Protein backbone atom coordinates (compact mmCIF):
# COMPACT_ATOMS: atom_id res chain seq x y z
CA LYS A 1 96.80 161.70 108.27
CA ILE A 2 94.45 161.82 110.46
CA ILE A 3 92.16 160.13 108.39
CA LEU A 4 94.95 157.39 107.19
CA LYS A 5 95.12 156.14 111.00
CA ALA A 6 91.29 156.20 111.84
CA LEU A 7 91.09 153.81 108.48
CA ILE A 8 94.69 151.46 109.82
CA ARG A 9 93.26 151.70 113.63
CA ARG A 10 89.35 150.87 112.42
CA GLY A 11 91.10 148.08 109.85
CA TYR A 12 92.91 146.52 112.71
CA ALA A 13 90.08 146.40 115.17
CA PHE A 14 87.31 144.72 112.12
CA GLU A 15 90.45 142.03 111.55
CA ALA A 16 90.54 141.07 115.49
CA LEU A 17 86.91 141.13 115.79
CA GLU A 18 87.24 138.75 112.48
CA LYS A 19 85.12 141.27 110.08
CA TYR A 20 87.74 140.43 107.58
CA LYS A 21 86.03 142.34 104.62
CA LYS A 22 85.67 145.39 106.49
CA ALA A 23 89.22 144.97 107.73
CA GLN A 24 90.30 144.79 104.09
CA ASN A 25 87.86 147.98 102.87
CA ASP A 26 89.79 150.12 105.32
CA LEU A 27 93.20 148.87 105.00
CA SER A 28 93.13 149.39 101.07
CA SER A 29 91.48 152.97 101.53
CA ALA A 30 94.60 153.51 103.89
CA ARG A 31 96.86 152.18 101.20
CA ASN A 32 95.51 154.69 98.65
CA LEU A 33 95.82 157.20 101.10
CA GLU A 34 100.11 155.80 101.56
CA PRO A 35 101.01 153.46 99.33
CA GLY A 36 104.24 153.05 101.06
CA ASN A 37 103.45 152.03 104.08
CA SER A 38 104.71 148.85 104.61
CA LYS A 39 102.55 147.88 107.61
CA VAL A 40 99.69 148.34 106.07
CA THR A 41 100.78 146.29 102.98
CA GLU A 42 101.53 143.29 105.17
CA ALA A 43 98.05 143.68 107.01
CA LEU A 44 96.50 143.49 103.75
CA MET A 45 98.30 140.68 102.99
CA ARG A 46 97.46 139.05 105.83
CA ILE A 47 93.69 139.64 105.44
CA ASN A 48 93.13 139.13 102.07
CA ARG A 49 94.18 135.55 102.58
CA PHE A 50 91.49 135.31 105.33
CA VAL A 51 89.00 137.07 102.72
CA ARG A 52 90.32 133.96 100.33
CA GLU A 53 89.59 131.64 103.24
CA GLU A 54 86.22 132.71 103.98
CA GLU A 55 85.41 132.98 100.28
CA GLU A 56 86.48 129.54 99.88
CA GLU A 57 84.43 128.29 102.65
CA HIS A 58 81.03 129.91 101.22
CA GLU A 59 81.98 128.28 98.00
CA LEU A 60 81.92 124.76 100.00
CA GLU A 61 79.08 125.82 101.62
CA GLU A 62 76.83 126.44 98.48
CA PHE A 63 78.31 123.39 96.78
CA SER A 64 77.22 121.15 99.72
CA GLU A 65 74.08 122.68 99.64
CA GLU A 66 73.17 122.21 96.21
CA HIS A 67 74.78 118.55 96.34
CA ASP A 68 72.31 117.48 99.32
CA LEU A 69 69.20 118.87 96.88
CA ASN A 70 70.39 116.93 94.10
CA SER A 71 70.43 114.17 96.46
CA LEU A 72 67.02 115.14 97.72
CA VAL A 73 65.63 115.40 94.46
CA ASP A 74 67.21 112.21 93.10
CA ILE A 75 65.59 110.64 96.13
CA LEU A 76 62.19 112.40 95.58
CA LYS A 77 62.18 110.96 91.78
CA ASN A 78 62.60 107.57 93.11
CA ILE A 79 60.11 107.43 95.07
CA LYS A 80 57.46 108.86 93.09
CA ASP A 81 58.55 106.17 90.05
CA VAL A 82 57.90 103.22 92.66
CA GLY A 83 54.65 105.05 93.58
CA ASN A 84 53.63 104.91 89.98
CA GLY A 85 54.41 101.42 89.91
CA HIS A 86 52.07 100.97 92.32
CA PHE A 87 49.25 103.02 90.64
CA LYS A 88 49.64 101.02 87.64
CA SER A 89 49.79 97.80 89.08
CA GLN A 90 46.39 99.34 90.99
CA ASP A 91 48.08 98.80 94.33
CA PHE A 92 46.59 102.00 95.09
CA ASP A 93 47.54 101.05 99.36
CA SER A 94 51.05 100.85 98.47
CA ALA A 95 50.72 104.02 95.77
CA ARG A 96 49.33 106.27 99.00
CA LYS A 97 52.22 105.16 101.46
CA SER A 98 55.10 105.90 98.30
CA PHE A 99 53.60 109.16 97.71
CA THR A 100 53.10 110.34 101.26
CA GLU A 101 56.46 109.65 102.03
CA GLY A 102 57.73 111.45 99.29
CA ILE A 103 55.47 114.31 100.42
CA ASP A 104 56.78 114.38 103.81
CA LEU A 105 60.23 114.15 102.86
CA ALA A 106 59.62 116.76 100.53
CA LYS A 107 58.39 119.11 103.44
CA THR A 108 61.84 118.87 105.39
């Protein structure tokens, strides 16, 4: 019973601190100890929603970062192609400028 109370209170504390995964772990453990506790079940349902929202936000951030990286790769390929065109036509100054632009962009 003492462990149950400690898990519930710590779970609520984690929730208040917006540490939802830790709250979820504690309250899941509490529910396993006392499956019929409606307050724990309610809190766990609420926290599960927050955890899902955080996971969705994380997935969106990863998608955005990947999309940004893909866009950068496309831009760098275009700059390289322009530089190669200048190089083939022996316009070495323009080729150098294009390649320098690509190198500088890749460093950011």
